[in-house]
């Protein structure tokens, strides 16, 4: 679905946005009236700091498929989950209603599949069922966009094989793990004719023939032959192409990115202001004013490997169950994200 380009100006001389193409899963727009640092900051925030929902913990009751528990847990973690109005969900590390997880900070999904026929049985994302309550009616539901309404393939089962899991979805950001990324790609371009010479175009004979121009080259004036180089010139137009994975609508991703950027700037302003007044909170002090996305502190109380119940693999063939965790030293030490992965990696 395409729309006619439209311009939204905040001020006559301020930032302006021109939407050139928009659809259900992508949006292309042109940003003007800002400097390169701001435009790139918005790109990075959209990529890594917009909060979404994703499966973070997986508890296996049965798994007789050919795939290991860790493999299936990883696949489950990468299934996009609806994150509409994700602000209604609290970060589990900040939840005041529980010590581990509750309806305020997580969504529980279950999946139980068993193959009883001779044909191969495929288990899809649609087989994930939301259990119990949640912060709103959208968050945590698997995103299914294919015409058949099946969703992502999780695994395949032969006759007699079974998969029974319980999944806990939590709120997070892509800076912690890529499974929380709201976008599959963010295109970012400026100065399509390279008039500013920010890029060195290596060529053998003719750069104009060996380096094809982007589609945005027709939107700007090409350099004139013999035109002197302007050392004071700066980029003024930035072209964005944002593609959503389906958990958030493209316009919501951009709006959330701007919101996060505002929160980060407010954090800097308050830190500097308090520092000038002699009451320095800084990065190691109070953080009540910053409610935006942030990576959890490694080793904080209630997370990490403290009190971990461990990861248990059923003992196939009548053997004893193999367990690591539960006070035992892990081969990798503390998880780098400070999260408890007590029942499978995702």
C-alpha atoms as a PDB file:
ATOM      1  CA  UNK A   1       0.000   0.000   0.000  1.00  0.00           C
ATOM      2  CA  UNK A   2       1.455   3.362  -1.041  1.00  0.00           C
ATOM      3  CA  UNK A   3       0.564   6.883  -0.017  1.00  0.00           C
ATOM      4  CA  UNK A   4       1.179  10.206  -1.671  1.00  0.00           C
ATOM      5  CA  UNK A   5       4.195  11.950  -0.169  1.00  0.00           C
ATOM      6  CA  UNK A   6       3.251  14.273   2.662  1.00  0.00           C
ATOM      7  CA  UNK A   7       5.247  16.725   4.687  1.00  0.00           C
ATOM      8  CA  UNK A   8       4.961  17.360   8.410  1.00  0.00           C
ATOM      9  CA  UNK A   9       6.816  20.493   9.536  1.00  0.00           C
ATOM     10  CA  UNK A  10       7.328  21.196  13.216  1.00  0.00           C
ATOM     11  CA  UNK A  11       8.528  24.722  12.486  1.00  0.00           C
ATOM     12  CA  UNK A  12       9.220  26.784   9.425  1.00  0.00           C
ATOM     13  CA  UNK A  13      12.943  26.293   9.889  1.00  0.00           C
ATOM     14  CA  UNK A  14      12.837  23.189  12.091  1.00  0.00           C
ATOM     15  CA  UNK A  15      12.924  19.463  11.323  1.00  0.00           C
ATOM     16  CA  UNK A  16      10.635  18.157   8.626  1.00  0.00           C
ATOM     17  CA  UNK A  17       9.600  14.665   7.564  1.00  0.00           C
ATOM     18  CA  UNK A  18       8.417  13.631   4.126  1.00  0.00           C
ATOM     19  CA  UNK A  19       6.870  10.150   3.928  1.00  0.00           C
ATOM     20  CA  UNK A  20       7.573   8.773   0.468  1.00  0.00           C
ATOM     21  CA  UNK A  21       6.195   5.251   0.843  1.00  0.00           C
ATOM     22  CA  UNK A  22       4.336   3.419   3.597  1.00  0.00           C
ATOM     23  CA  UNK A  23       2.890  -0.043   4.095  1.00  0.00           C
ATOM     24  CA  UNK A  24       1.849  -2.423   6.823  1.00  0.00           C
ATOM     25  CA  UNK A  25       5.434  -3.566   7.431  1.00  0.00           C
ATOM     26  CA  UNK A  26       7.638  -0.787   6.063  1.00  0.00           C
ATOM     27  CA  UNK A  27       7.932   2.974   5.783  1.00  0.00           C
ATOM     28  CA  UNK A  28      10.291   5.155   3.749  1.00  0.00           C
ATOM     29  CA  UNK A  29      10.749   8.785   4.709  1.00  0.00           C
ATOM     30  CA  UNK A  30      13.047  11.734   4.225  1.00  0.00           C
ATOM     31  CA  UNK A  31      14.279  13.704   7.236  1.00  0.00           C
ATOM     32  CA  UNK A  32      15.466  17.305   6.902  1.00  0.00           C
ATOM     33  CA  UNK A  33      16.371  20.138   9.208  1.00  0.00           C
ATOM     34  CA  UNK A  34      18.609  18.077  11.519  1.00  0.00           C
ATOM     35  CA  UNK A  35      22.315  17.324  11.608  1.00  0.00           C
ATOM     36  CA  UNK A  36      24.005  14.011  10.859  1.00  0.00           C
ATOM     37  CA  UNK A  37      24.530  13.144  14.530  1.00  0.00           C
ATOM     38  CA  UNK A  38      20.821  13.410  15.307  1.00  0.00           C
ATOM     39  CA  UNK A  39      19.764  11.418  12.235  1.00  0.00           C
ATOM     40  CA  UNK A  40      22.230   8.631  13.020  1.00  0.00           C
ATOM     41  CA  UNK A  41      21.170   8.620  16.684  1.00  0.00           C
ATOM     42  CA  UNK A  42      17.579   8.046  15.615  1.00  0.00           C
ATOM     43  CA  UNK A  43      18.688   5.181  13.369  1.00  0.00           C
ATOM     44  CA  UNK A  44      20.619   3.509  16.173  1.00  0.00           C
ATOM     45  CA  UNK A  45      17.824   3.917  18.712  1.00  0.00           C
ATOM     46  CA  UNK A  46      15.286   2.429  16.297  1.00  0.00           C
ATOM     47  CA  UNK A  47      17.590  -0.540  15.728  1.00  0.00           C
ATOM     48  CA  UNK A  48      18.535  -1.327  19.306  1.00  0.00           C
ATOM     49  CA  UNK A  49      16.486   0.441  21.975  1.00  0.00           C
ATOM     50  CA  UNK A  50      12.802   0.274  21.062  1.00  0.00           C
ATOM     51  CA  UNK A  51      11.180  -2.137  23.574  1.00  0.00           C
ATOM     52  CA  UNK A  52       9.275  -5.193  22.343  1.00  0.00           C
ATOM     53  CA  UNK A  53       8.106  -8.574  23.641  1.00  0.00           C
ATOM     54  CA  UNK A  54       9.959 -11.850  23.053  1.00  0.00           C
ATOM     55  CA  UNK A  55      10.134 -15.304  24.612  1.00  0.00           C
ATOM     56  CA  UNK A  56      12.918 -15.234  27.198  1.00  0.00           C
ATOM     57  CA  UNK A  57      12.431 -18.421  29.249  1.00  0.00           C
ATOM     58  CA  UNK A  58      11.361 -21.879  28.053  1.00  0.00           C
ATOM     59  CA  UNK A  59      10.418 -24.777  30.347  1.00  0.00           C
ATOM     60  CA  UNK A  60      10.461 -28.210  28.714  1.00  0.00           C
ATOM     61  CA  UNK A  61       8.088 -30.877  30.028  1.00  0.00           C
ATOM     62  CA  UNK A  62       8.694 -33.183  27.057  1.00  0.00           C
ATOM     63  CA  UNK A  63      10.850 -33.069  23.955  1.00  0.00           C
ATOM     64  CA  UNK A  64      11.386 -36.246  21.948  1.00  0.00           C
ATOM     65  CA  UNK A  65      11.983 -34.448  18.646  1.00  0.00           C
ATOM     66  CA  UNK A  66      15.331 -34.618  16.869  1.00  0.00           C
ATOM     67  CA  UNK A  67      16.141 -31.050  17.976  1.00  0.00           C
ATOM     68  CA  UNK A  68      17.833 -30.304  21.284  1.00  0.00           C
ATOM     69  CA  UNK A  69      16.071 -28.243  23.956  1.00  0.00           C
ATOM     70  CA  UNK A  70      18.447 -25.327  23.459  1.00  0.00           C
ATOM     71  CA  UNK A  71      17.850 -25.318  19.701  1.00  0.00           C
ATOM     72  CA  UNK A  72      14.072 -25.188  20.061  1.00  0.00           C
ATOM     73  CA  UNK A  73      14.307 -22.550  22.796  1.00  0.00           C
ATOM     74  CA  UNK A  74      16.389 -20.390  20.495  1.00  0.00           C
ATOM     75  CA  UNK A  75      13.855 -20.760  17.677  1.00  0.00           C
ATOM     76  CA  UNK A  76      11.002 -19.874  20.015  1.00  0.00           C
ATOM     77  CA  UNK A  77      12.840 -16.757  21.132  1.00  0.00           C
ATOM     78  CA  UNK A  78      13.096 -15.503  17.554  1.00  0.00           C
ATOM     79  CA  UNK A  79       9.349 -15.759  16.846  1.00  0.00           C
ATOM     80  CA  UNK A  80       7.987 -12.174  16.634  1.00  0.00           C
ATOM     81  CA  UNK A  81       5.376 -11.421  19.286  1.00  0.00           C
ATOM     82  CA  UNK A  82       2.809  -8.652  19.098  1.00  0.00           C
ATOM     83  CA  UNK A  83       4.142  -5.652  21.035  1.00  0.00           C
ATOM     84  CA  UNK A  84       1.329  -3.158  20.572  1.00  0.00           C
ATOM     85  CA  UNK A  85       1.082  -0.856  23.605  1.00  0.00           C
ATOM     86  CA  UNK A  86       4.139  -2.550  25.101  1.00  0.00           C
ATOM     87  CA  UNK A  87       4.434   0.371  27.511  1.00  0.00           C
ATOM     88  CA  UNK A  88       1.679  -1.336  29.510  1.00  0.00           C
ATOM     89  CA  UNK A  89       4.174  -4.102  30.346  1.00  0.00           C
ATOM     90  CA  UNK A  90       6.820  -3.515  33.010  1.00  0.00           C
ATOM     91  CA  UNK A  91      10.391  -4.728  32.765  1.00  0.00           C
ATOM     92  CA  UNK A  92      10.626  -7.827  34.948  1.00  0.00           C
ATOM     93  CA  UNK A  93      13.658  -6.371  36.737  1.00  0.00           C
ATOM     94  CA  UNK A  94      11.609  -3.266  37.644  1.00  0.00           C
ATOM     95  CA  UNK A  95       8.301  -4.951  38.518  1.00  0.00           C
ATOM     96  CA  UNK A  96       7.035  -4.041  41.995  1.00  0.00           C
ATOM     97  CA  UNK A  97       4.408  -6.791  42.071  1.00  0.00           C
ATOM     98  CA  UNK A  98       6.654  -9.864  41.946  1.00  0.00           C
ATOM     99  CA  UNK A  99      10.165 -11.179  42.444  1.00  0.00           C
ATOM    100  CA  UNK A 100      10.336 -13.263  39.278  1.00  0.00           C
ATOM    101  CA  UNK A 101       7.422 -12.835  36.865  1.00  0.00           C
ATOM    102  CA  UNK A 102       3.739 -11.994  36.879  1.00  0.00           C
ATOM    103  CA  UNK A 103       0.993 -10.793  34.548  1.00  0.00           C
ATOM    104  CA  UNK A 104       2.262  -7.241  34.924  1.00  0.00           C
ATOM    105  CA  UNK A 105       5.718  -7.982  33.507  1.00  0.00           C
ATOM    106  CA  UNK A 106       5.398 -11.156  31.422  1.00  0.00           C
ATOM    107  CA  UNK A 107       3.152 -13.239  29.180  1.00  0.00           C
ATOM    108  CA  UNK A 108       2.893 -17.025  29.442  1.00  0.00           C
ATOM    109  CA  UNK A 109       2.485 -19.153  26.324  1.00  0.00           C
ATOM    110  CA  UNK A 110       2.160 -22.930  26.115  1.00  0.00           C
ATOM    111  CA  UNK A 111       2.623 -25.434  23.314  1.00  0.00           C
ATOM    112  CA  UNK A 112       1.795 -29.141  23.364  1.00  0.00           C
ATOM    113  CA  UNK A 113       2.046 -31.159  20.167  1.00  0.00           C
ATOM    114  CA  UNK A 114       2.245 -34.921  19.609  1.00  0.00           C
ATOM    115  CA  UNK A 115       2.416 -36.738  16.281  1.00  0.00           C
ATOM    116  CA  UNK A 116       0.090 -39.744  16.131  1.00  0.00           C
ATOM    117  CA  UNK A 117       0.000 -40.310  12.380  1.00  0.00           C
ATOM    118  CA  UNK A 118       2.479 -41.697   9.888  1.00  0.00           C
ATOM    119  CA  UNK A 119       3.029 -38.362   8.129  1.00  0.00           C
ATOM    120  CA  UNK A 120       5.458 -35.732   9.369  1.00  0.00           C
ATOM    121  CA  UNK A 121       3.755 -33.211  11.649  1.00  0.00           C
ATOM    122  CA  UNK A 122       4.855 -29.585  11.488  1.00  0.00           C
ATOM    123  CA  UNK A 123       4.560 -27.435  14.593  1.00  0.00           C
ATOM    124  CA  UNK A 124       3.876 -23.777  13.838  1.00  0.00           C
ATOM    125  CA  UNK A 125       3.791 -20.516  15.766  1.00  0.00           C
ATOM    126  CA  UNK A 126      -0.005 -20.632  15.645  1.00  0.00           C
ATOM    127  CA  UNK A 127       0.171 -23.599  18.039  1.00  0.00           C
ATOM    128  CA  UNK A 128       1.445 -21.291  20.784  1.00  0.00           C
ATOM    129  CA  UNK A 129      -1.438 -20.469  23.136  1.00  0.00           C
ATOM    130  CA  UNK A 130      -1.447 -17.496  25.483  1.00  0.00           C
ATOM    131  CA  UNK A 131      -2.231 -18.671  29.016  1.00  0.00           C
ATOM    132  CA  UNK A 132      -3.589 -16.515  31.826  1.00  0.00           C
ATOM    133  CA  UNK A 133      -3.785 -12.759  31.906  1.00  0.00           C
ATOM    134  CA  UNK A 134      -1.577 -10.110  30.377  1.00  0.00           C
ATOM    135  CA  UNK A 135      -1.162  -6.340  30.446  1.00  0.00           C
ATOM    136  CA  UNK A 136      -3.407  -5.844  27.403  1.00  0.00           C
ATOM    137  CA  UNK A 137      -5.139  -7.896  24.747  1.00  0.00           C
ATOM    138  CA  UNK A 138      -2.311  -7.670  22.196  1.00  0.00           C
ATOM    139  CA  UNK A 139       1.087  -8.190  23.799  1.00  0.00           C
ATOM    140  CA  UNK A 140       2.591 -11.655  23.586  1.00  0.00           C
ATOM    141  CA  UNK A 141       0.494 -13.085  20.752  1.00  0.00           C
ATOM    142  CA  UNK A 142       2.575 -14.685  17.965  1.00  0.00           C
ATOM    143  CA  UNK A 143       2.769 -12.582  14.814  1.00  0.00           C
ATOM    144  CA  UNK A 144       1.316 -14.528  11.882  1.00  0.00           C
ATOM    145  CA  UNK A 145       1.338 -12.846   8.481  1.00  0.00           C
ATOM    146  CA  UNK A 146       1.388 -15.698   5.953  1.00  0.00           C
ATOM    147  CA  UNK A 147      -1.796 -16.305   3.897  1.00  0.00           C
ATOM    148  CA  UNK A 148      -2.250 -19.767   5.406  1.00  0.00           C
ATOM    149  CA  UNK A 149      -2.259 -18.363   8.942  1.00  0.00           C
ATOM    150  CA  UNK A 150       0.363 -20.808  10.188  1.00  0.00           C
ATOM    151  CA  UNK A 151       3.283 -18.631  11.215  1.00  0.00           C
ATOM    152  CA  UNK A 152       6.873 -19.677  11.742  1.00  0.00           C
ATOM    153  CA  UNK A 153       7.803 -23.389  11.668  1.00  0.00           C
ATOM    154  CA  UNK A 154       9.116 -24.380  15.100  1.00  0.00           C
ATOM    155  CA  UNK A 155       9.969 -28.027  14.466  1.00  0.00           C
ATOM    156  CA  UNK A 156       8.827 -31.226  12.758  1.00  0.00           C
ATOM    157  CA  UNK A 157       7.659 -34.371  14.554  1.00  0.00           C
ATOM    158  CA  UNK A 158       7.583 -38.021  13.475  1.00  0.00           C
ATOM    159  CA  UNK A 159       5.093 -40.579  14.732  1.00  0.00           C
ATOM    160  CA  UNK A 160       5.314 -40.888  18.497  1.00  0.00           C
ATOM    161  CA  UNK A 161       7.393 -37.745  18.998  1.00  0.00           C
ATOM    162  CA  UNK A 162       6.151 -35.033  21.337  1.00  0.00           C
ATOM    163  CA  UNK A 163       6.883 -31.438  22.270  1.00  0.00           C
ATOM    164  CA  UNK A 164       5.443 -29.892  25.421  1.00  0.00           C
ATOM    165  CA  UNK A 165       6.802 -26.507  26.521  1.00  0.00           C
ATOM    166  CA  UNK A 166       5.860 -23.483  28.589  1.00  0.00           C
ATOM    167  CA  UNK A 167       7.235 -20.139  27.407  1.00  0.00           C
ATOM    168  CA  UNK A 168       7.637 -16.892  29.333  1.00  0.00           C
ATOM    169  CA  UNK A 169       7.734 -13.762  27.175  1.00  0.00           C
ATOM    170  CA  UNK A 170       9.235 -10.613  28.626  1.00  0.00           C
ATOM    171  CA  UNK A 171       9.824  -7.041  27.603  1.00  0.00           C
ATOM    172  CA  UNK A 172      13.299  -6.106  26.398  1.00  0.00           C
ATOM    173  CA  UNK A 173      15.388  -4.265  23.835  1.00  0.00           C
ATOM    174  CA  UNK A 174      17.659  -5.420  21.032  1.00  0.00           C
ATOM    175  CA  UNK A 175      20.706  -4.078  22.872  1.00  0.00           C
ATOM    176  CA  UNK A 176      20.186  -7.034  25.248  1.00  0.00           C
ATOM    177  CA  UNK A 177      19.410  -9.619  22.544  1.00  0.00           C
ATOM    178  CA  UNK A 178      18.524  -9.472  18.859  1.00  0.00           C
ATOM    179  CA  UNK A 179      15.233 -11.321  19.479  1.00  0.00           C
ATOM    180  CA  UNK A 180      13.824  -8.041  20.844  1.00  0.00           C
ATOM    181  CA  UNK A 181      14.652  -6.135  17.642  1.00  0.00           C
ATOM    182  CA  UNK A 182      11.580  -4.384  16.182  1.00  0.00           C
ATOM    183  CA  UNK A 183      13.122  -4.068  12.717  1.00  0.00           C
ATOM    184  CA  UNK A 184      14.661  -6.494  10.280  1.00  0.00           C
ATOM    185  CA  UNK A 185      16.508  -3.661   8.531  1.00  0.00           C
ATOM    186  CA  UNK A 186      16.906   0.101   8.675  1.00  0.00           C
ATOM    187  CA  UNK A 187      18.235   1.697   5.508  1.00  0.00           C
ATOM    188  CA  UNK A 188      20.008   5.014   6.029  1.00  0.00           C
ATOM    189  CA  UNK A 189      21.509   7.160   3.314  1.00  0.00           C
ATOM    190  CA  UNK A 190      22.518  10.738   2.625  1.00  0.00           C
ATOM    191  CA  UNK A 191      24.472  12.609  -0.067  1.00  0.00           C
ATOM    192  CA  UNK A 192      23.756  10.096  -2.880  1.00  0.00           C
ATOM    193  CA  UNK A 193      26.171  11.889  -5.247  1.00  0.00           C
ATOM    194  CA  UNK A 194      28.974  11.839  -2.646  1.00  0.00           C
ATOM    195  CA  UNK A 195      29.467  15.579  -3.051  1.00  0.00           C
ATOM    196  CA  UNK A 196      30.680  15.748   0.545  1.00  0.00           C
ATOM    197  CA  UNK A 197      33.266  13.017  -0.127  1.00  0.00           C
ATOM    198  CA  UNK A 198      32.490  11.147   3.070  1.00  0.00           C
ATOM    199  CA  UNK A 199      33.051   7.932   1.105  1.00  0.00           C
ATOM    200  CA  UNK A 200      36.034   7.038  -1.031  1.00  0.00           C
ATOM    201  CA  UNK A 201      34.802   5.373  -4.207  1.00  0.00           C
ATOM    202  CA  UNK A 202      37.507   3.054  -5.482  1.00  0.00           C
ATOM    203  CA  UNK A 203      37.373   2.627  -9.239  1.00  0.00           C
ATOM    204  CA  UNK A 204      39.547   1.459 -12.114  1.00  0.00           C
ATOM    205  CA  UNK A 205      38.537   3.834 -14.900  1.00  0.00           C
ATOM    206  CA  UNK A 206      35.299   5.743 -14.293  1.00  0.00           C
ATOM    207  CA  UNK A 207      33.615   6.003 -10.888  1.00  0.00           C
ATOM    208  CA  UNK A 208      30.273   7.084 -12.363  1.00  0.00           C
ATOM    209  CA  UNK A 209      30.070   3.903 -14.431  1.00  0.00           C
ATOM    210  CA  UNK A 210      31.452   1.481 -11.863  1.00  0.00           C
ATOM    211  CA  UNK A 211      29.392   2.795  -8.915  1.00  0.00           C
ATOM    212  CA  UNK A 212      25.646   2.724  -9.669  1.00  0.00           C
ATOM    213  CA  UNK A 213      23.615   5.587  -8.225  1.00  0.00           C
ATOM    214  CA  UNK A 214      20.913   4.988  -5.651  1.00  0.00           C
ATOM    215  CA  UNK A 215      17.303   5.851  -6.316  1.00  0.00           C
ATOM    216  CA  UNK A 216      17.728   9.001  -4.237  1.00  0.00           C
ATOM    217  CA  UNK A 217      20.297  10.438  -6.648  1.00  0.00           C
ATOM    218  CA  UNK A 218      17.444  11.773  -8.796  1.00  0.00           C
ATOM    219  CA  UNK A 219      16.124  13.716  -5.796  1.00  0.00           C
ATOM    220  CA  UNK A 220      19.215  15.917  -5.482  1.00  0.00           C
ATOM    221  CA  UNK A 221      21.233  18.069  -7.818  1.00  0.00           C
ATOM    222  CA  UNK A 222      24.319  16.290  -9.166  1.00  0.00           C
ATOM    223  CA  UNK A 223      27.710  18.001  -8.902  1.00  0.00           C
ATOM    224  CA  UNK A 224      28.576  20.243 -11.804  1.00  0.00           C
ATOM    225  CA  UNK A 225      31.732  19.715 -13.825  1.00  0.00           C
ATOM    226  CA  UNK A 226      34.554  21.777 -12.405  1.00  0.00           C
ATOM    227  CA  UNK A 227      32.526  22.753  -9.348  1.00  0.00           C
ATOM    228  CA  UNK A 228      34.879  23.652  -6.457  1.00  0.00           C
ATOM    229  CA  UNK A 229      34.675  21.540  -3.318  1.00  0.00           C
ATOM    230  CA  UNK A 230      32.805  23.173  -0.454  1.00  0.00           C
ATOM    231  CA  UNK A 231      34.612  22.382   2.788  1.00  0.00           C
ATOM    232  CA  UNK A 232      31.807  23.910   4.865  1.00  0.00           C
ATOM    233  CA  UNK A 233      29.006  21.837   3.343  1.00  0.00           C
ATOM    234  CA  UNK A 234      27.094  19.476   5.634  1.00  0.00           C
ATOM    235  CA  UNK A 235      24.424  16.845   4.860  1.00  0.00           C
ATOM    236  CA  UNK A 236      20.893  18.205   5.025  1.00  0.00           C
ATOM    237  CA  UNK A 237      18.670  15.393   3.748  1.00  0.00           C
ATOM    238  CA  UNK A 238      18.587  11.901   5.206  1.00  0.00           C
ATOM    239  CA  UNK A 239      16.705   8.981   3.658  1.00  0.00           C
ATOM    240  CA  UNK A 240      15.347   6.241   5.926  1.00  0.00           C
ATOM    241  CA  UNK A 241      13.866   2.864   4.981  1.00  0.00           C
ATOM    242  CA  UNK A 242      12.436   1.061   8.018  1.00  0.00           C
ATOM    243  CA  UNK A 243      11.211  -2.535   7.748  1.00  0.00           C
ATOM    244  CA  UNK A 244       9.320  -4.041  10.683  1.00  0.00           C
ATOM    245  CA  UNK A 245       9.433  -7.717  11.633  1.00  0.00           C
ATOM    246  CA  UNK A 246       5.716  -7.499  12.449  1.00  0.00           C
ATOM    247  CA  UNK A 247       5.725  -7.027  16.211  1.00  0.00           C
ATOM    248  CA  UNK A 248       5.197  -3.255  15.882  1.00  0.00           C
ATOM    249  CA  UNK A 249       3.769  -1.112  13.108  1.00  0.00           C
ATOM    250  CA  UNK A 250       6.391   0.997  11.299  1.00  0.00           C
ATOM    251  CA  UNK A 251       4.987   4.317  12.487  1.00  0.00           C
ATOM    252  CA  UNK A 252       4.926   3.045  16.082  1.00  0.00           C
ATOM    253  CA  UNK A 253       8.603   2.037  15.781  1.00  0.00           C
ATOM    254  CA  UNK A 254       9.597   5.554  14.746  1.00  0.00           C
ATOM    255  CA  UNK A 255       7.448   7.164  17.441  1.00  0.00           C
ATOM    256  CA  UNK A 256       8.902   4.870  20.098  1.00  0.00           C
ATOM    257  CA  UNK A 257      12.403   5.627  18.812  1.00  0.00           C
ATOM    258  CA  UNK A 258      11.808   9.368  19.178  1.00  0.00           C
ATOM    259  CA  UNK A 259      10.393   8.817  22.659  1.00  0.00           C
ATOM    260  CA  UNK A 260      13.433   6.808  23.737  1.00  0.00           C
ATOM    261  CA  UNK A 261      15.767   9.430  22.291  1.00  0.00           C
ATOM    262  CA  UNK A 262      13.928  12.136  24.242  1.00  0.00           C
ATOM    263  CA  UNK A 263      14.306  10.121  27.444  1.00  0.00           C
ATOM    264  CA  UNK A 264      18.028   9.648  26.876  1.00  0.00           C
ATOM    265  CA  UNK A 265      18.533  13.352  26.214  1.00  0.00           C
ATOM    266  CA  UNK A 266      16.491  14.223  29.316  1.00  0.00           C
ATOM    267  CA  UNK A 267      18.728  11.876  31.317  1.00  0.00           C
ATOM    268  CA  UNK A 268      21.837  13.697  30.098  1.00  0.00           C
ATOM    269  CA  UNK A 269      20.326  17.116  30.827  1.00  0.00           C
ATOM    270  CA  UNK A 270      19.320  16.141  34.349  1.00  0.00           C
ATOM    271  CA  UNK A 271      22.693  14.565  35.060  1.00  0.00           C
ATOM    272  CA  UNK A 272      24.503  17.711  33.929  1.00  0.00           C
ATOM    273  CA  UNK A 273      22.096  19.956  35.837  1.00  0.00           C
ATOM    274  CA  UNK A 274      22.465  18.003  39.070  1.00  0.00           C
ATOM    275  CA  UNK A 275      26.215  17.935  38.606  1.00  0.00           C
ATOM    276  CA  UNK A 276      26.330  21.721  38.367  1.00  0.00           C
ATOM    277  CA  UNK A 277      24.261  21.979  41.540  1.00  0.00           C
ATOM    278  CA  UNK A 278      26.634  19.773  43.492  1.00  0.00           C
ATOM    279  CA  UNK A 279      24.170  16.881  43.887  1.00  0.00           C
ATOM    280  CA  UNK A 280      25.653  14.436  41.438  1.00  0.00           C
ATOM    281  CA  UNK A 281      23.625  11.358  40.703  1.00  0.00           C
ATOM    282  CA  UNK A 282      25.271  10.585  37.393  1.00  0.00           C
ATOM    283  CA  UNK A 283      25.342   7.083  35.989  1.00  0.00           C
ATOM    284  CA  UNK A 284      25.909   5.531  39.426  1.00  0.00           C
ATOM    285  CA  UNK A 285      23.209   7.415  41.303  1.00  0.00           C
ATOM    286  CA  UNK A 286      19.439   7.623  41.291  1.00  0.00           C
ATOM    287  CA  UNK A 287      17.842   6.689  38.007  1.00  0.00           C
ATOM    288  CA  UNK A 288      14.191   7.335  38.784  1.00  0.00           C
ATOM    289  CA  UNK A 289      13.930   9.973  36.085  1.00  0.00           C
ATOM    290  CA  UNK A 290      14.980   7.596  33.349  1.00  0.00           C
ATOM    291  CA  UNK A 291      12.246   5.079  32.692  1.00  0.00           C
ATOM    292  CA  UNK A 292      13.383   4.332  29.162  1.00  0.00           C
ATOM    293  CA  UNK A 293      14.885   1.100  27.856  1.00  0.00           C
ATOM    294  CA  UNK A 294      18.183   0.134  29.418  1.00  0.00           C
ATOM    295  CA  UNK A 295      20.335  -2.951  29.754  1.00  0.00           C
ATOM    296  CA  UNK A 296      19.999  -4.622  33.168  1.00  0.00           C
ATOM    297  CA  UNK A 297      22.847  -4.491  35.639  1.00  0.00           C
ATOM    298  CA  UNK A 298      24.844  -7.713  35.690  1.00  0.00           C
ATOM    299  CA  UNK A 299      24.619  -9.403  39.051  1.00  0.00           C
ATOM    300  CA  UNK A 300      21.699  -7.324  40.314  1.00  0.00           C
ATOM    301  CA  UNK A 301      19.504  -8.884  42.989  1.00  0.00           C
ATOM    302  CA  UNK A 302      16.818 -11.096  41.546  1.00  0.00           C
ATOM    303  CA  UNK A 303      18.571 -11.758  38.265  1.00  0.00           C
ATOM    304  CA  UNK A 304      21.631 -13.462  36.891  1.00  0.00           C
ATOM    305  CA  UNK A 305      22.501 -16.926  38.202  1.00  0.00           C
ATOM    306  CA  UNK A 306      21.750 -16.236  41.881  1.00  0.00           C
ATOM    307  CA  UNK A 307      19.066 -18.646  43.015  1.00  0.00           C
ATOM    308  CA  UNK A 308      18.864 -20.221  39.581  1.00  0.00           C
ATOM    309  CA  UNK A 309      16.994 -23.492  39.489  1.00  0.00           C
ATOM    310  CA  UNK A 310      19.196 -24.765  36.695  1.00  0.00           C
ATOM    311  CA  UNK A 311      18.611 -26.194  33.275  1.00  0.00           C
ATOM    312  CA  UNK A 312      17.488 -29.832  33.275  1.00  0.00           C
ATOM    313  CA  UNK A 313      17.504 -32.197  30.342  1.00  0.00           C
ATOM    314  CA  UNK A 314      15.348 -35.321  30.740  1.00  0.00           C
ATOM    315  CA  UNK A 315      17.338 -38.525  30.991  1.00  0.00           C
ATOM    316  CA  UNK A 316      16.570 -40.302  27.772  1.00  0.00           C
ATOM    317  CA  UNK A 317      16.814 -44.049  27.708  1.00  0.00           C
ATOM    318  CA  UNK A 318      16.295 -44.366  31.463  1.00  0.00           C
ATOM    319  CA  UNK A 319      19.480 -42.528  32.394  1.00  0.00           C
ATOM    320  CA  UNK A 320      19.769 -39.881  35.066  1.00  0.00           C
ATOM    321  CA  UNK A 321      18.811 -36.340  34.258  1.00  0.00           C
ATOM    322  CA  UNK A 322      21.777 -34.070  33.598  1.00  0.00           C
ATOM    323  CA  UNK A 323      21.541 -30.778  35.434  1.00  0.00           C
ATOM    324  CA  UNK A 324      23.695 -27.680  35.461  1.00  0.00           C
ATOM    325  CA  UNK A 325      22.852 -24.609  37.442  1.00  0.00           C
ATOM    326  CA  UNK A 326      21.223 -24.921  40.878  1.00  0.00           C
ATOM    327  CA  UNK A 327      24.369 -23.588  42.491  1.00  0.00           C
ATOM    328  CA  UNK A 328      26.755 -25.352  40.141  1.00  0.00           C
ATOM    329  CA  UNK A 329      29.251 -23.197  38.276  1.00  0.00           C
ATOM    330  CA  UNK A 330      28.205 -22.505  34.714  1.00  0.00           C
ATOM    331  CA  UNK A 331      30.776 -22.961  31.953  1.00  0.00           C
ATOM    332  CA  UNK A 332      30.363 -19.346  30.835  1.00  0.00           C
ATOM    333  CA  UNK A 333      29.984 -17.558  34.137  1.00  0.00           C
ATOM    334  CA  UNK A 334      27.217 -15.028  34.626  1.00  0.00           C
ATOM    335  CA  UNK A 335      24.951 -14.349  31.694  1.00  0.00           C
ATOM    336  CA  UNK A 336      26.098 -11.078  30.042  1.00  0.00           C
ATOM    337  CA  UNK A 337      22.593  -9.663  30.124  1.00  0.00           C
ATOM    338  CA  UNK A 338      21.961 -10.285  33.785  1.00  0.00           C
ATOM    339  CA  UNK A 339      18.899 -12.379  32.989  1.00  0.00           C
ATOM    340  CA  UNK A 340      18.019 -15.741  34.444  1.00  0.00           C
ATOM    341  CA  UNK A 341      17.869 -18.416  31.745  1.00  0.00           C
ATOM    342  CA  UNK A 342      16.867 -21.158  34.079  1.00  0.00           C
ATOM    343  CA  UNK A 343      15.053 -23.350  31.621  1.00  0.00           C
ATOM    344  CA  UNK A 344      16.612 -23.122  28.221  1.00  0.00           C
ATOM    345  CA  UNK A 345      18.285 -20.476  26.134  1.00  0.00           C
ATOM    346  CA  UNK A 346      16.259 -18.234  23.882  1.00  0.00           C
END
